[in-house]
Amino acid sequence: MSGLCWMCRINLIFQVLLLVSGRGRYFYETWGGSRFRGTFNDPNQFAFFIFIMMLVLFMEYRRKAVYTAKTRIGFWGMFLLGVFLIGKAKSTGMFIGLLVFVGVLTGQFFWDKCCHSKQKKVWWFGGAAFLVLLTVDVYLILPGADFDVSQTDYTLLSRIQQKIWKLANGNIYDLLYDRSAERLVLEPQYLLYGAGEGFFERFIPYDGFEALLSPGVFDVFHVNEIHSSFFDVWFSYGLIPTTFLVYWTWKKCDLV
């Protein structure tokens, strides 16, 4: 475990060095926006890799019997380095992963402190105040009706606003198409016996599908896998292999 975690640290530092040296790879949007992808082919793959490094390091951190100042600084330093890299990749999926991770840790910390505190009312008041502030922050980042991501600095925040705007101004077909998942509706038979991977040109939407999309929400056809979704496994391999995978995952999580 110690050797594995040292490799995780080396991976994080190496990707940072690529970033600051200007030798890392970038993904460019059609209108010019860019997302850092390090040594990877896709910024979301890169962000997922970084997130896994962070989780492995967290596993080691939680196994420590004694938390020294050096241990805490070492872990949280690497953790913040990972957050920085995910921010450069501008991956909304991994940002949600980080939110869930930090939210669970925060909830655990709050519950432990509250249960063992003689000032429970103070902790409950603090928790309520935190939720109010969080709600206000979410309200403040809501995009306007005329939001255009190409007219922003194209940060992780603006990508989050873009996703919110698409959901607020679109429909279910927009959401499916944004993840290249419209084939789940147009080709449902593959959910039974699988379509195989690759050659995504097979699944370019039928003539007329664009009429189902909201005007101005999407303007190019995707030729891609089902994006960042377990449905890609189901669509590619069919029901039986997916069932085995779900059962294996369930057992590994000690849920059965």
C-alpha atoms as a PDB file:
ATOM      1  CA  MET A   1       0.000   0.000   0.000  1.00  0.00           C
ATOM      2  CA  SER A   2       2.867   2.361   0.812  1.00  0.00           C
ATOM      3  CA  GLY A   3       4.504   1.756  -2.573  1.00  0.00           C
ATOM      4  CA  LEU A   4       1.188   2.195  -4.386  1.00  0.00           C
ATOM      5  CA  CYS A   5       0.587   5.510  -2.659  1.00  0.00           C
ATOM      6  CA  TRP A   6       4.050   6.763  -3.531  1.00  0.00           C
ATOM      7  CA  MET A   7       3.249   6.040  -7.177  1.00  0.00           C
ATOM      8  CA  CYS A   8       0.010   8.009  -6.780  1.00  0.00           C
ATOM      9  CA  ARG A   9       1.974  10.985  -5.440  1.00  0.00           C
ATOM     10  CA  ILE A  10       4.467  10.723  -8.294  1.00  0.00           C
ATOM     11  CA  ASN A  11       1.583  10.628 -10.792  1.00  0.00           C
ATOM     12  CA  LEU A  12       0.024  13.782  -9.346  1.00  0.00           C
ATOM     13  CA  ILE A  13       3.304  15.673  -9.256  1.00  0.00           C
ATOM     14  CA  PHE A  14       4.205  14.558 -12.777  1.00  0.00           C
ATOM     15  CA  GLN A  15       0.915  15.854 -14.199  1.00  0.00           C
ATOM     16  CA  VAL A  16       1.434  19.174 -12.401  1.00  0.00           C
ATOM     17  CA  LEU A  17       4.934  19.453 -13.875  1.00  0.00           C
ATOM     18  CA  LEU A  18       3.475  18.852 -17.343  1.00  0.00           C
ATOM     19  CA  LEU A  19       0.940  21.598 -16.725  1.00  0.00           C
ATOM     20  CA  VAL A  20       3.389  24.244 -15.514  1.00  0.00           C
ATOM     21  CA  SER A  21       5.958  23.353 -18.183  1.00  0.00           C
ATOM     22  CA  GLY A  22       3.388  23.777 -20.953  1.00  0.00           C
ATOM     23  CA  ARG A  23       4.085  20.304 -22.366  1.00  0.00           C
ATOM     24  CA  GLY A  24       0.780  18.727 -21.348  1.00  0.00           C
ATOM     25  CA  ARG A  25      -1.978  18.000 -23.831  1.00  0.00           C
ATOM     26  CA  TYR A  26      -5.162  20.052 -24.198  1.00  0.00           C
ATOM     27  CA  PHE A  27      -8.644  19.409 -25.533  1.00  0.00           C
ATOM     28  CA  TYR A  28     -10.028  22.309 -27.583  1.00  0.00           C
ATOM     29  CA  GLU A  29     -13.706  23.112 -28.022  1.00  0.00           C
ATOM     30  CA  THR A  30     -14.975  24.076 -31.461  1.00  0.00           C
ATOM     31  CA  TRP A  31     -15.204  27.729 -30.369  1.00  0.00           C
ATOM     32  CA  GLY A  32     -11.704  27.822 -28.848  1.00  0.00           C
ATOM     33  CA  GLY A  33     -12.125  26.919 -25.168  1.00  0.00           C
ATOM     34  CA  SER A  34      -9.533  24.501 -23.788  1.00  0.00           C
ATOM     35  CA  ARG A  35      -9.358  21.810 -21.105  1.00  0.00           C
ATOM     36  CA  PHE A  36      -6.150  20.265 -19.749  1.00  0.00           C
ATOM     37  CA  ARG A  37      -5.782  16.492 -20.274  1.00  0.00           C
ATOM     38  CA  GLY A  38      -2.180  15.871 -19.243  1.00  0.00           C
ATOM     39  CA  THR A  39      -0.911  12.656 -20.836  1.00  0.00           C
ATOM     40  CA  PHE A  40      -4.434  11.394 -21.603  1.00  0.00           C
ATOM     41  CA  ASN A  41      -6.607  11.399 -24.728  1.00  0.00           C
ATOM     42  CA  ASP A  42      -9.587  12.996 -22.987  1.00  0.00           C
ATOM     43  CA  PRO A  43      -9.916  15.529 -20.141  1.00  0.00           C
ATOM     44  CA  ASN A  44     -12.556  13.424 -18.398  1.00  0.00           C
ATOM     45  CA  GLN A  45     -10.292  10.363 -18.471  1.00  0.00           C
ATOM     46  CA  PHE A  46      -7.556  12.523 -17.004  1.00  0.00           C
ATOM     47  CA  ALA A  47      -9.825  13.880 -14.251  1.00  0.00           C
ATOM     48  CA  PHE A  48     -11.068  10.378 -13.386  1.00  0.00           C
ATOM     49  CA  PHE A  49      -7.452   9.165 -13.103  1.00  0.00           C
ATOM     50  CA  ILE A  50      -6.596  12.062 -10.781  1.00  0.00           C
ATOM     51  CA  PHE A  51      -9.681  11.407  -8.633  1.00  0.00           C
ATOM     52  CA  ILE A  52      -8.700   7.736  -8.241  1.00  0.00           C
ATOM     53  CA  MET A  53      -5.195   8.796  -7.127  1.00  0.00           C
ATOM     54  CA  MET A  54      -6.806  11.004  -4.481  1.00  0.00           C
ATOM     55  CA  LEU A  55      -9.069   8.215  -3.235  1.00  0.00           C
ATOM     56  CA  VAL A  56      -6.186   5.740  -2.948  1.00  0.00           C
ATOM     57  CA  LEU A  57      -4.215   8.275  -0.919  1.00  0.00           C
ATOM     58  CA  PHE A  58      -7.277   8.815   1.268  1.00  0.00           C
ATOM     59  CA  MET A  59      -7.486   5.061   1.913  1.00  0.00           C
ATOM     60  CA  GLU A  60      -3.908   5.100   3.183  1.00  0.00           C
ATOM     61  CA  TYR A  61      -4.580   8.223   5.264  1.00  0.00           C
ATOM     62  CA  ARG A  62      -7.584   6.641   6.996  1.00  0.00           C
ATOM     63  CA  ARG A  63      -5.549   3.534   7.862  1.00  0.00           C
ATOM     64  CA  LYS A  64      -3.070   5.572   9.901  1.00  0.00           C
ATOM     65  CA  ALA A  65      -3.199   4.798  13.610  1.00  0.00           C
ATOM     66  CA  VAL A  66      -1.764   8.208  14.531  1.00  0.00           C
ATOM     67  CA  TYR A  67      -2.282  11.447  12.622  1.00  0.00           C
ATOM     68  CA  THR A  68       0.784  13.661  12.943  1.00  0.00           C
ATOM     69  CA  ALA A  69       1.070  17.177  11.535  1.00  0.00           C
ATOM     70  CA  LYS A  70       3.356  15.801   8.827  1.00  0.00           C
ATOM     71  CA  THR A  71       0.785  13.140   7.890  1.00  0.00           C
ATOM     72  CA  ARG A  72      -2.036  15.658   7.651  1.00  0.00           C
ATOM     73  CA  ILE A  73      -0.021  18.190   5.648  1.00  0.00           C
ATOM     74  CA  GLY A  74       1.238  15.477   3.290  1.00  0.00           C
ATOM     75  CA  PHE A  75      -2.225  14.077   2.564  1.00  0.00           C
ATOM     76  CA  TRP A  76      -4.141  17.344   2.272  1.00  0.00           C
ATOM     77  CA  GLY A  77      -1.348  18.850   0.180  1.00  0.00           C
ATOM     78  CA  MET A  78      -1.693  16.029  -2.353  1.00  0.00           C
ATOM     79  CA  PHE A  79      -5.489  16.234  -2.119  1.00  0.00           C
ATOM     80  CA  LEU A  80      -5.519  19.942  -2.963  1.00  0.00           C
ATOM     81  CA  LEU A  81      -3.095  19.256  -5.798  1.00  0.00           C
ATOM     82  CA  GLY A  82      -5.648  16.790  -7.197  1.00  0.00           C
ATOM     83  CA  VAL A  83      -8.468  19.313  -6.831  1.00  0.00           C
ATOM     84  CA  PHE A  84      -6.331  21.838  -8.724  1.00  0.00           C
ATOM     85  CA  LEU A  85      -5.759  19.384 -11.606  1.00  0.00           C
ATOM     86  CA  ILE A  86      -9.450  18.433 -11.813  1.00  0.00           C
ATOM     87  CA  GLY A  87     -10.233  22.141 -11.973  1.00  0.00           C
ATOM     88  CA  LYS A  88      -7.853  22.474 -14.935  1.00  0.00           C
ATOM     89  CA  ALA A  89      -9.550  19.528 -16.647  1.00  0.00           C
ATOM     90  CA  LYS A  90     -12.916  21.238 -16.051  1.00  0.00           C
ATOM     91  CA  SER A  91     -14.643  17.885 -15.572  1.00  0.00           C
ATOM     92  CA  THR A  92     -18.133  18.411 -14.157  1.00  0.00           C
ATOM     93  CA  GLY A  93     -18.524  14.675 -13.502  1.00  0.00           C
ATOM     94  CA  MET A  94     -15.437  14.500 -11.311  1.00  0.00           C
ATOM     95  CA  PHE A  95     -16.447  17.769  -9.664  1.00  0.00           C
ATOM     96  CA  ILE A  96     -19.700  16.083  -8.631  1.00  0.00           C
ATOM     97  CA  GLY A  97     -17.612  13.158  -7.379  1.00  0.00           C
ATOM     98  CA  LEU A  98     -15.553  15.564  -5.276  1.00  0.00           C
ATOM     99  CA  LEU A  99     -18.706  17.212  -3.938  1.00  0.00           C
ATOM    100  CA  VAL A 100     -20.146  13.858  -2.874  1.00  0.00           C
ATOM    101  CA  PHE A 101     -16.831  12.811  -1.318  1.00  0.00           C
ATOM    102  CA  VAL A 102     -16.381  16.057   0.619  1.00  0.00           C
ATOM    103  CA  GLY A 103     -20.087  16.097   1.520  1.00  0.00           C
ATOM    104  CA  VAL A 104     -19.872  12.622   3.065  1.00  0.00           C
ATOM    105  CA  LEU A 105     -16.727  13.564   5.007  1.00  0.00           C
ATOM    106  CA  THR A 106     -18.351  16.793   6.205  1.00  0.00           C
ATOM    107  CA  GLY A 107     -21.501  14.953   7.259  1.00  0.00           C
ATOM    108  CA  GLN A 108     -19.454  12.337   9.099  1.00  0.00           C
ATOM    109  CA  PHE A 109     -17.416  15.028  10.870  1.00  0.00           C
ATOM    110  CA  PHE A 110     -20.569  16.928  11.840  1.00  0.00           C
ATOM    111  CA  TRP A 111     -22.340  13.807  13.128  1.00  0.00           C
ATOM    112  CA  ASP A 112     -19.338  12.633  15.195  1.00  0.00           C
ATOM    113  CA  LYS A 113     -18.825  16.055  16.742  1.00  0.00           C
ATOM    114  CA  CYS A 114     -22.513  16.589  17.372  1.00  0.00           C
ATOM    115  CA  CYS A 115     -23.044  13.191  19.004  1.00  0.00           C
ATOM    116  CA  HIS A 116     -20.133  13.681  21.423  1.00  0.00           C
ATOM    117  CA  SER A 117     -20.713  17.340  22.160  1.00  0.00           C
ATOM    118  CA  LYS A 118     -22.502  18.816  25.151  1.00  0.00           C
ATOM    119  CA  GLN A 119     -23.485  21.767  22.943  1.00  0.00           C
ATOM    120  CA  LYS A 120     -25.628  19.904  20.410  1.00  0.00           C
ATOM    121  CA  LYS A 121     -27.826  22.929  19.728  1.00  0.00           C
ATOM    122  CA  VAL A 122     -24.757  24.926  18.671  1.00  0.00           C
ATOM    123  CA  TRP A 123     -23.745  22.211  16.218  1.00  0.00           C
ATOM    124  CA  TRP A 124     -27.264  21.935  14.787  1.00  0.00           C
ATOM    125  CA  PHE A 125     -27.432  25.709  14.396  1.00  0.00           C
ATOM    126  CA  GLY A 126     -24.027  25.715  12.679  1.00  0.00           C
ATOM    127  CA  GLY A 127     -25.140  22.931  10.337  1.00  0.00           C
ATOM    128  CA  ALA A 128     -28.328  24.799   9.428  1.00  0.00           C
ATOM    129  CA  ALA A 129     -26.349  27.998   8.788  1.00  0.00           C
ATOM    130  CA  PHE A 130     -23.972  26.083   6.539  1.00  0.00           C
ATOM    131  CA  LEU A 131     -26.869  24.681   4.481  1.00  0.00           C
ATOM    132  CA  VAL A 132     -28.370  28.160   4.119  1.00  0.00           C
ATOM    133  CA  LEU A 133     -25.049  29.559   2.878  1.00  0.00           C
ATOM    134  CA  LEU A 134     -24.704  26.637   0.472  1.00  0.00           C
ATOM    135  CA  THR A 135     -28.199  27.286  -0.907  1.00  0.00           C
ATOM    136  CA  VAL A 136     -27.373  30.968  -1.402  1.00  0.00           C
ATOM    137  CA  ASP A 137     -24.149  30.065  -3.227  1.00  0.00           C
ATOM    138  CA  VAL A 138     -26.025  27.720  -5.559  1.00  0.00           C
ATOM    139  CA  TYR A 139     -28.578  30.437  -6.282  1.00  0.00           C
ATOM    140  CA  LEU A 140     -25.832  32.959  -7.073  1.00  0.00           C
ATOM    141  CA  ILE A 141     -24.222  30.742  -9.727  1.00  0.00           C
ATOM    142  CA  LEU A 142     -27.463  30.053 -11.596  1.00  0.00           C
ATOM    143  CA  PRO A 143     -26.975  31.190 -15.213  1.00  0.00           C
ATOM    144  CA  GLY A 144     -29.192  33.733 -16.895  1.00  0.00           C
ATOM    145  CA  ALA A 145     -31.521  32.949 -19.795  1.00  0.00           C
ATOM    146  CA  ASP A 146     -28.993  34.326 -22.298  1.00  0.00           C
ATOM    147  CA  PHE A 147     -26.008  32.405 -20.886  1.00  0.00           C
ATOM    148  CA  ASP A 148     -23.347  31.518 -23.490  1.00  0.00           C
ATOM    149  CA  VAL A 149     -20.341  29.532 -22.296  1.00  0.00           C
ATOM    150  CA  SER A 150     -18.275  30.654 -25.299  1.00  0.00           C
ATOM    151  CA  GLN A 151     -18.485  34.212 -23.973  1.00  0.00           C
ATOM    152  CA  THR A 152     -17.012  33.300 -20.572  1.00  0.00           C
ATOM    153  CA  ASP A 153     -13.482  32.599 -19.325  1.00  0.00           C
ATOM    154  CA  TYR A 154     -14.371  28.889 -19.635  1.00  0.00           C
ATOM    155  CA  THR A 155     -13.624  27.750 -16.117  1.00  0.00           C
ATOM    156  CA  LEU A 156     -14.999  24.774 -14.208  1.00  0.00           C
ATOM    157  CA  LEU A 157     -17.648  27.095 -12.785  1.00  0.00           C
ATOM    158  CA  SER A 158     -18.764  28.222 -16.243  1.00  0.00           C
ATOM    159  CA  ARG A 159     -19.017  24.562 -17.357  1.00  0.00           C
ATOM    160  CA  ILE A 160     -21.233  23.855 -14.357  1.00  0.00           C
ATOM    161  CA  GLN A 161     -23.371  26.849 -15.302  1.00  0.00           C
ATOM    162  CA  GLN A 162     -23.502  25.510 -18.869  1.00  0.00           C
ATOM    163  CA  LYS A 163     -24.851  22.151 -17.647  1.00  0.00           C
ATOM    164  CA  ILE A 164     -27.456  23.897 -15.509  1.00  0.00           C
ATOM    165  CA  TRP A 165     -28.475  26.113 -18.431  1.00  0.00           C
ATOM    166  CA  LYS A 166     -28.832  23.129 -20.763  1.00  0.00           C
ATOM    167  CA  LEU A 167     -31.037  21.302 -18.275  1.00  0.00           C
ATOM    168  CA  ALA A 168     -33.125  24.402 -17.584  1.00  0.00           C
ATOM    169  CA  ASN A 169     -33.610  25.253 -21.263  1.00  0.00           C
ATOM    170  CA  GLY A 170     -33.833  21.793 -22.765  1.00  0.00           C
ATOM    171  CA  ASN A 171     -35.706  18.517 -22.471  1.00  0.00           C
ATOM    172  CA  ILE A 172     -34.971  14.832 -21.863  1.00  0.00           C
ATOM    173  CA  TYR A 173     -33.629  14.382 -25.412  1.00  0.00           C
ATOM    174  CA  ASP A 174     -31.155  17.207 -24.807  1.00  0.00           C
ATOM    175  CA  LEU A 175     -29.907  15.468 -21.689  1.00  0.00           C
ATOM    176  CA  LEU A 176     -29.544  12.136 -23.499  1.00  0.00           C
ATOM    177  CA  TYR A 177     -27.805  13.695 -26.482  1.00  0.00           C
ATOM    178  CA  ASP A 178     -25.403  15.636 -24.275  1.00  0.00           C
ATOM    179  CA  ARG A 179     -24.113  12.277 -22.970  1.00  0.00           C
ATOM    180  CA  SER A 180     -24.304  10.552 -26.400  1.00  0.00           C
ATOM    181  CA  ALA A 181     -26.993   8.369 -24.833  1.00  0.00           C
ATOM    182  CA  GLU A 182     -29.795   8.941 -27.334  1.00  0.00           C
ATOM    183  CA  ARG A 183     -28.982   5.457 -28.730  1.00  0.00           C
ATOM    184  CA  LEU A 184     -30.454   3.974 -25.536  1.00  0.00           C
ATOM    185  CA  VAL A 185     -33.827   5.179 -26.832  1.00  0.00           C
ATOM    186  CA  LEU A 186     -33.213   4.793 -30.573  1.00  0.00           C
ATOM    187  CA  GLU A 187     -31.522   1.348 -30.393  1.00  0.00           C
ATOM    188  CA  PRO A 188     -32.907  -0.312 -27.213  1.00  0.00           C
ATOM    189  CA  GLN A 189     -32.378  -3.851 -28.547  1.00  0.00           C
ATOM    190  CA  TYR A 190     -28.656  -3.560 -27.817  1.00  0.00           C
ATOM    191  CA  LEU A 191     -29.432  -3.313 -24.113  1.00  0.00           C
ATOM    192  CA  LEU A 192     -30.419  -6.985 -24.408  1.00  0.00           C
ATOM    193  CA  TYR A 193     -27.548  -8.513 -26.396  1.00  0.00           C
ATOM    194  CA  GLY A 194     -24.952  -5.716 -26.689  1.00  0.00           C
ATOM    195  CA  ALA A 195     -23.623  -3.635 -29.568  1.00  0.00           C
ATOM    196  CA  GLY A 196     -19.904  -4.088 -29.009  1.00  0.00           C
ATOM    197  CA  GLU A 197     -17.488  -1.196 -28.623  1.00  0.00           C
ATOM    198  CA  GLY A 198     -16.082   1.230 -31.150  1.00  0.00           C
ATOM    199  CA  PHE A 199     -17.242   2.353 -34.614  1.00  0.00           C
ATOM    200  CA  PHE A 200     -19.614   4.889 -33.061  1.00  0.00           C
ATOM    201  CA  GLU A 201     -20.586   6.134 -36.528  1.00  0.00           C
ATOM    202  CA  ARG A 202     -23.136   3.298 -36.439  1.00  0.00           C
ATOM    203  CA  PHE A 203     -25.152   5.314 -33.966  1.00  0.00           C
ATOM    204  CA  ILE A 204     -25.365   8.733 -35.594  1.00  0.00           C
ATOM    205  CA  PRO A 205     -28.983   9.756 -34.823  1.00  0.00           C
ATOM    206  CA  TYR A 206     -31.636   9.143 -37.457  1.00  0.00           C
ATOM    207  CA  ASP A 207     -32.863  11.870 -39.755  1.00  0.00           C
ATOM    208  CA  GLY A 208     -35.296  13.999 -37.848  1.00  0.00           C
ATOM    209  CA  PHE A 209     -33.831  13.376 -34.398  1.00  0.00           C
ATOM    210  CA  GLU A 210     -32.458  16.899 -34.315  1.00  0.00           C
ATOM    211  CA  ALA A 211     -36.063  18.144 -34.409  1.00  0.00           C
ATOM    212  CA  LEU A 212     -36.519  16.689 -30.919  1.00  0.00           C
ATOM    213  CA  LEU A 213     -33.683  18.835 -29.533  1.00  0.00           C
ATOM    214  CA  SER A 214     -34.280  22.303 -28.196  1.00  0.00           C
ATOM    215  CA  PRO A 215     -33.230  25.100 -30.590  1.00  0.00           C
ATOM    216  CA  GLY A 216     -29.815  26.497 -29.786  1.00  0.00           C
ATOM    217  CA  VAL A 217     -28.955  23.898 -27.149  1.00  0.00           C
ATOM    218  CA  PHE A 218     -26.839  21.612 -29.338  1.00  0.00           C
ATOM    219  CA  ASP A 219     -25.488  22.371 -32.784  1.00  0.00           C
ATOM    220  CA  VAL A 220     -23.160  19.457 -33.695  1.00  0.00           C
ATOM    221  CA  PHE A 221     -23.604  15.703 -33.925  1.00  0.00           C
ATOM    222  CA  HIS A 222     -21.541  13.648 -31.512  1.00  0.00           C
ATOM    223  CA  VAL A 223     -19.678  10.552 -32.697  1.00  0.00           C
ATOM    224  CA  ASN A 224     -18.721   9.163 -29.316  1.00  0.00           C
ATOM    225  CA  GLU A 225     -19.278   6.504 -26.684  1.00  0.00           C
ATOM    226  CA  ILE A 226     -22.056   6.910 -24.146  1.00  0.00           C
ATOM    227  CA  HIS A 227     -20.349   9.496 -22.006  1.00  0.00           C
ATOM    228  CA  SER A 228     -19.291   8.883 -18.397  1.00  0.00           C
ATOM    229  CA  SER A 229     -22.047   6.418 -17.703  1.00  0.00           C
ATOM    230  CA  PHE A 230     -22.527   2.826 -16.582  1.00  0.00           C
ATOM    231  CA  PHE A 231     -25.084   2.593 -19.396  1.00  0.00           C
ATOM    232  CA  ASP A 232     -22.167   2.360 -21.851  1.00  0.00           C
ATOM    233  CA  VAL A 233     -21.219  -1.026 -20.352  1.00  0.00           C
ATOM    234  CA  TRP A 234     -24.824  -2.216 -20.578  1.00  0.00           C
ATOM    235  CA  PHE A 235     -25.268  -0.977 -24.153  1.00  0.00           C
ATOM    236  CA  SER A 236     -21.933  -2.393 -25.344  1.00  0.00           C
ATOM    237  CA  TYR A 237     -22.049  -5.810 -23.665  1.00  0.00           C
ATOM    238  CA  GLY A 238     -25.707  -6.553 -23.083  1.00  0.00           C
ATOM    239  CA  LEU A 239     -27.814  -7.600 -20.136  1.00  0.00           C
ATOM    240  CA  ILE A 240     -26.106 -10.820 -18.987  1.00  0.00           C
ATOM    241  CA  PRO A 241     -22.495  -9.528 -18.674  1.00  0.00           C
ATOM    242  CA  THR A 242     -23.778  -6.333 -17.066  1.00  0.00           C
ATOM    243  CA  THR A 243     -25.741  -8.357 -14.513  1.00  0.00           C
ATOM    244  CA  PHE A 244     -22.596 -10.280 -13.560  1.00  0.00           C
ATOM    245  CA  LEU A 245     -20.662  -7.015 -13.243  1.00  0.00           C
ATOM    246  CA  VAL A 246     -23.333  -5.428 -11.035  1.00  0.00           C
ATOM    247  CA  TYR A 247     -23.440  -8.523  -8.818  1.00  0.00           C
ATOM    248  CA  TRP A 248     -19.618  -8.586  -8.521  1.00  0.00           C
ATOM    249  CA  THR A 249     -19.549  -4.883  -7.641  1.00  0.00           C
ATOM    250  CA  TRP A 250     -22.331  -5.378  -5.107  1.00  0.00           C
ATOM    251  CA  LYS A 251     -20.382  -8.166  -3.381  1.00  0.00           C
ATOM    252  CA  LYS A 252     -17.141  -6.172  -3.380  1.00  0.00           C
ATOM    253  CA  CYS A 253     -18.968  -3.396  -1.566  1.00  0.00           C
ATOM    254  CA  ASP A 254     -19.997  -5.932   1.134  1.00  0.00           C
ATOM    255  CA  LEU A 255     -23.648  -5.220   0.424  1.00  0.00           C
ATOM    256  CA  VAL A 256     -24.582  -8.916   0.245  1.00  0.00           C
END
